[in-house]
C-alpha atoms as a PDB file:
ATOM      1  CA  UNK A   1      -3.323 -78.877 -52.427  1.00  0.00           C
ATOM      2  CA  UNK A   2      -2.487 -76.012 -54.542  1.00  0.00           C
ATOM      3  CA  UNK A   3      -2.061 -76.504 -58.612  1.00  0.00           C
ATOM      4  CA  UNK A   4      -2.119 -74.001 -60.910  1.00  0.00           C
ATOM      5  CA  UNK A   5      -5.384 -72.460 -61.989  1.00  0.00           C
ATOM      6  CA  UNK A   6      -6.256 -70.601 -65.252  1.00  0.00           C
ATOM      7  CA  UNK A   7      -8.134 -66.694 -65.169  1.00  0.00           C
ATOM      8  CA  UNK A   8     -11.206 -68.402 -65.673  1.00  0.00           C
ATOM      9  CA  UNK A   9     -11.347 -70.760 -62.643  1.00  0.00           C
ATOM     10  CA  UNK A  10      -9.900 -68.072 -60.409  1.00  0.00           C
ATOM     11  CA  UNK A  11     -12.709 -66.089 -61.793  1.00  0.00           C
ATOM     12  CA  UNK A  12     -15.318 -69.179 -60.995  1.00  0.00           C
ATOM     13  CA  UNK A  13     -14.242 -69.588 -57.646  1.00  0.00           C
ATOM     14  CA  UNK A  14     -14.714 -66.160 -56.685  1.00  0.00           C
ATOM     15  CA  UNK A  15     -18.315 -66.268 -58.214  1.00  0.00           C
ATOM     16  CA  UNK A  16     -18.425 -69.465 -55.958  1.00  0.00           C
ATOM     17  CA  UNK A  17     -17.973 -67.551 -53.360  1.00  0.00           C
ATOM     18  CA  UNK A  18     -19.410 -64.429 -53.539  1.00  0.00           C
ATOM     19  CA  UNK A  19     -22.735 -64.935 -55.138  1.00  0.00           C
ATOM     20  CA  UNK A  20     -23.434 -68.500 -54.383  1.00  0.00           C
ATOM     21  CA  UNK A  21     -22.370 -67.603 -50.631  1.00  0.00           C
ATOM     22  CA  UNK A  22     -19.929 -70.121 -50.255  1.00  0.00           C
ATOM     23  CA  UNK A  23     -16.984 -70.575 -47.814  1.00  0.00           C
ATOM     24  CA  UNK A  24     -13.156 -69.868 -48.617  1.00  0.00           C
ATOM     25  CA  UNK A  25     -13.166 -73.803 -47.193  1.00  0.00           C
ATOM     26  CA  UNK A  26     -16.192 -75.076 -49.146  1.00  0.00           C
ATOM     27  CA  UNK A  27     -14.288 -73.334 -52.459  1.00  0.00           C
ATOM     28  CA  UNK A  28     -10.594 -74.804 -51.294  1.00  0.00           C
ATOM     29  CA  UNK A  29     -12.052 -78.227 -51.437  1.00  0.00           C
ATOM     30  CA  UNK A  30     -14.441 -78.320 -54.260  1.00  0.00           C
ATOM     31  CA  UNK A  31     -11.735 -76.312 -56.535  1.00  0.00           C
ATOM     32  CA  UNK A  32      -8.693 -78.319 -54.827  1.00  0.00           C
ATOM     33  CA  UNK A  33      -7.012 -74.940 -54.024  1.00  0.00           C
ATOM     34  CA  UNK A  34      -5.825 -74.018 -50.686  1.00  0.00           C
ATOM     35  CA  UNK A  35      -7.955 -71.745 -48.546  1.00  0.00           C
ATOM     36  CA  UNK A  36      -5.429 -68.888 -48.451  1.00  0.00           C
ATOM     37  CA  UNK A  37      -5.282 -68.852 -52.081  1.00  0.00           C
ATOM     38  CA  UNK A  38      -9.178 -68.556 -52.469  1.00  0.00           C
ATOM     39  CA  UNK A  39      -9.272 -65.821 -49.895  1.00  0.00           C
ATOM     40  CA  UNK A  40      -6.519 -63.779 -51.477  1.00  0.00           C
ATOM     41  CA  UNK A  41      -8.654 -63.913 -55.441  1.00  0.00           C
ATOM     42  CA  UNK A  42     -11.696 -62.507 -54.145  1.00  0.00           C
ATOM     43  CA  UNK A  43     -10.057 -60.031 -52.022  1.00  0.00           C
ATOM     44  CA  UNK A  44      -8.148 -59.332 -55.458  1.00  0.00           C
ATOM     45  CA  UNK A  45     -11.200 -59.203 -57.206  1.00  0.00           C
ATOM     46  CA  UNK A  46     -13.572 -57.296 -54.635  1.00  0.00           C
ATOM     47  CA  UNK A  47     -10.618 -54.053 -54.670  1.00  0.00           C
ATOM     48  CA  UNK A  48      -9.522 -54.343 -58.547  1.00  0.00           C
ATOM     49  CA  UNK A  49     -12.022 -56.735 -60.087  1.00  0.00           C
ATOM     50  CA  UNK A  50     -11.440 -59.792 -62.221  1.00  0.00           C
ATOM     51  CA  UNK A  51      -8.294 -57.547 -63.758  1.00  0.00           C
ATOM     52  CA  UNK A  52      -6.706 -58.087 -60.797  1.00  0.00           C
ATOM     53  CA  UNK A  53      -6.943 -61.885 -60.709  1.00  0.00           C
ATOM     54  CA  UNK A  54      -4.675 -61.793 -63.487  1.00  0.00           C
ATOM     55  CA  UNK A  55      -1.360 -63.841 -63.131  1.00  0.00           C
ATOM     56  CA  UNK A  56       1.728 -61.077 -64.198  1.00  0.00           C
ATOM     57  CA  UNK A  57       4.312 -62.928 -63.216  1.00  0.00           C
ATOM     58  CA  UNK A  58       7.128 -63.241 -65.889  1.00  0.00           C
ATOM     59  CA  UNK A  59       5.534 -60.664 -67.915  1.00  0.00           C
ATOM     60  CA  UNK A  60       7.961 -57.587 -68.607  1.00  0.00           C
ATOM     61  CA  UNK A  61       6.965 -54.211 -69.533  1.00  0.00           C
ATOM     62  CA  UNK A  62       7.013 -53.188 -73.122  1.00  0.00           C
ATOM     63  CA  UNK A  63      10.231 -50.982 -74.143  1.00  0.00           C
ATOM     64  CA  UNK A  64       7.296 -48.159 -75.007  1.00  0.00           C
ATOM     65  CA  UNK A  65       6.337 -48.652 -71.662  1.00  0.00           C
ATOM     66  CA  UNK A  66       9.742 -48.198 -69.716  1.00  0.00           C
ATOM     67  CA  UNK A  67      11.223 -44.991 -67.886  1.00  0.00           C
ATOM     68  CA  UNK A  68      14.150 -43.389 -68.412  1.00  0.00           C
ATOM     69  CA  UNK A  69      15.377 -44.849 -65.321  1.00  0.00           C
ATOM     70  CA  UNK A  70      13.490 -48.542 -66.682  1.00  0.00           C
ATOM     71  CA  UNK A  71      15.723 -48.116 -69.842  1.00  0.00           C
ATOM     72  CA  UNK A  72      18.930 -47.473 -67.446  1.00  0.00           C
ATOM     73  CA  UNK A  73      18.254 -49.557 -65.078  1.00  0.00           C
ATOM     74  CA  UNK A  74      18.039 -52.437 -67.762  1.00  0.00           C
ATOM     75  CA  UNK A  75      21.512 -51.442 -70.103  1.00  0.00           C
ATOM     76  CA  UNK A  76      22.906 -51.800 -66.663  1.00  0.00           C
ATOM     77  CA  UNK A  77      21.702 -55.406 -66.727  1.00  0.00           C
ATOM     78  CA  UNK A  78      23.086 -55.954 -69.579  1.00  0.00           C
ATOM     79  CA  UNK A  79      26.092 -54.872 -69.265  1.00  0.00           C
ATOM     80  CA  UNK A  80      26.714 -56.717 -65.767  1.00  0.00           C
ATOM     81  CA  UNK A  81      25.748 -60.187 -67.781  1.00  0.00           C
ATOM     82  CA  UNK A  82      27.654 -59.108 -70.596  1.00  0.00           C
ATOM     83  CA  UNK A  83      30.935 -58.313 -68.489  1.00  0.00           C
ATOM     84  CA  UNK A  84      30.233 -62.206 -66.336  1.00  0.00           C
ATOM     85  CA  UNK A  85      30.081 -63.954 -69.640  1.00  0.00           C
ATOM     86  CA  UNK A  86      33.312 -61.944 -70.460  1.00  0.00           C
ATOM     87  CA  UNK A  87      35.212 -62.955 -67.558  1.00  0.00           C
ATOM     88  CA  UNK A  88      33.651 -66.554 -67.639  1.00  0.00           C
ATOM     89  CA  UNK A  89      35.282 -67.230 -70.904  1.00  0.00           C
ATOM     90  CA  UNK A  90      38.746 -65.686 -69.982  1.00  0.00           C
ATOM     91  CA  UNK A  91      38.829 -68.049 -66.934  1.00  0.00           C
ATOM     92  CA  UNK A  92      37.877 -70.753 -68.574  1.00  0.00           C
ATOM     93  CA  UNK A  93      40.437 -69.953 -71.623  1.00  0.00           C
ATOM     94  CA  UNK A  94      42.951 -69.366 -68.452  1.00  0.00           C
ATOM     95  CA  UNK A  95      42.110 -72.927 -67.160  1.00  0.00           C
ATOM     96  CA  UNK A  96      42.754 -74.822 -70.575  1.00  0.00           C
ATOM     97  CA  UNK A  97      45.454 -73.109 -71.411  1.00  0.00           C
ATOM     98  CA  UNK A  98      46.783 -74.390 -67.929  1.00  0.00           C
ATOM     99  CA  UNK A  99      45.815 -77.921 -68.033  1.00  0.00           C
ATOM    100  CA  UNK A 100      47.393 -78.064 -71.451  1.00  0.00           C
ATOM    101  CA  UNK A 101      50.514 -77.170 -70.002  1.00  0.00           C
ATOM    102  CA  UNK A 102      50.186 -79.317 -67.674  1.00  0.00           C
ATOM    103  CA  UNK A 103      49.407 -82.862 -69.861  1.00  0.00           C
END
C-alpha cells in the first residue's frame, strides 16, 4: 500500500488529517499510503513544521559544512575504498597470470 510521495503530497496528507479532522486511517486510504506513514508525517510536522517532512536520504553535507572529524572520516573511507580497489586489481592480475601459465 505504500508508495513514493512528494513533499507536496506529504503536506497535503498532514493538512487532511490536522485541518480537516480526518483520521490517519482515512488519510491512508485516500492517499494510498500506510497508516504508520501518515501518522509519522503528522507527528513530524507538528514537532518540526513542514521542513521536517523533507526526505534527506542520500543527501550529503557540503564540504564547507563538514567538521574536522567528518573530514578525517571521509578521507579514511576514501583511502579504504582505494585500497580495496587496488587489492582487487592485484588479485585479478594474479589470477590472470595463473590461468595463462596453465593454458
